[in-house]
Protein backbone atom coordinates (compact mmCIF):
# COMPACT_ATOMS: atom_id res chain seq x y z
CA MET A 1 98.57 101.78 144.98
CA ILE A 2 95.67 100.42 143.07
CA GLY A 3 95.17 103.87 141.30
CA GLN A 4 98.83 103.52 139.89
CA ILE A 5 97.69 99.88 138.85
CA ILE A 6 94.70 101.21 137.02
CA VAL A 7 96.46 103.79 135.47
CA ILE A 8 99.52 101.82 134.20
CA THR A 9 96.80 99.13 132.81
CA ILE A 10 95.36 101.99 130.88
CA VAL A 11 98.85 103.40 129.55
CA MET A 12 99.55 99.83 128.38
CA TRP A 13 96.27 99.61 126.47
CA ILE A 14 96.85 102.76 124.64
CA VAL A 15 100.10 101.74 123.83
CA ALA A 16 98.70 98.47 122.46
CA ILE A 17 96.45 100.02 120.41
CA PHE A 18 98.72 102.16 118.56
CA ALA A 19 101.60 99.20 118.32
CA PHE A 20 98.84 97.17 116.99
CA SER A 21 97.03 99.34 114.55
CA PRO A 22 98.90 99.05 111.44
CA LEU A 23 98.77 95.21 111.66
CA GLY A 24 94.99 95.58 112.04
CA TYR A 25 94.43 98.01 109.25
CA PHE A 26 96.47 95.19 106.94
CA ILE A 27 94.36 92.72 107.87
CA TYR A 28 91.10 94.66 107.56
CA MET A 29 92.41 95.71 103.70
CA TYR A 30 93.39 92.10 103.21
CA THR A 31 89.89 90.78 103.98
CA PHE A 32 88.44 94.07 102.53
CA LYS A 33 89.85 93.04 98.74
CA ASP A 34 89.42 89.55 98.61
CA GLY A 35 93.07 88.75 99.56
CA GLU A 36 94.84 91.62 97.47
CA PRO A 37 95.83 93.99 100.33
CA PHE A 38 97.32 96.59 97.72
CA GLY A 39 94.97 96.19 94.71
CA GLU A 40 96.02 95.00 91.49
CA THR A 41 99.72 94.70 91.29
CA GLU A 42 102.60 92.99 89.03
CA PRO A 43 103.83 89.73 89.76
CA HIS A 44 107.20 90.10 91.00
CA GLY A 45 110.29 90.15 88.42
CA ASP A 46 108.06 90.75 85.42
CA SER A 47 108.45 94.53 85.33
CA GLU A 48 110.82 96.11 83.65
CA SER A 49 113.73 98.28 85.91
CA LEU A 50 117.20 99.83 85.07
CA VAL A 51 118.28 98.34 88.41
CA LEU A 52 117.71 94.72 87.05
CA ALA A 53 119.12 95.68 83.37
CA LEU A 54 122.31 97.14 84.56
CA ALA A 55 122.44 93.68 87.39
CA GLU A 56 121.76 91.07 84.30
CA ILE A 57 124.45 93.28 82.27
CA ALA A 58 127.03 92.41 85.61
CA ILE A 59 126.33 89.13 86.06
CA ASN A 60 126.82 88.25 81.94
CA LYS A 61 130.07 90.40 82.09
CA ALA A 62 131.34 87.95 85.39
CA LYS A 63 130.26 84.79 83.69
CA GLU A 64 132.16 86.15 80.49
CA LEU A 65 135.37 86.64 82.61
CA MET A 66 134.74 83.56 84.27
CA ALA A 67 134.92 81.56 81.19
CA LYS A 68 137.56 83.15 79.85
CA LYS A 69 140.25 81.69 82.64
């Protein structure tokens, strides 16, 4: 009985270590690089993208169609 509880406790610790290791790695990298976990990145929305350009065209066309009605 006690042996089973010890085995279950050890297995739970191993599962917890593997489950929370990505979080620990992220916290380590975040503190390691002075608050920049992924290094130098562009602010969101400042980079050119085909998807953003197509979305802007679609929105402008929809606005034109709504204005004509």
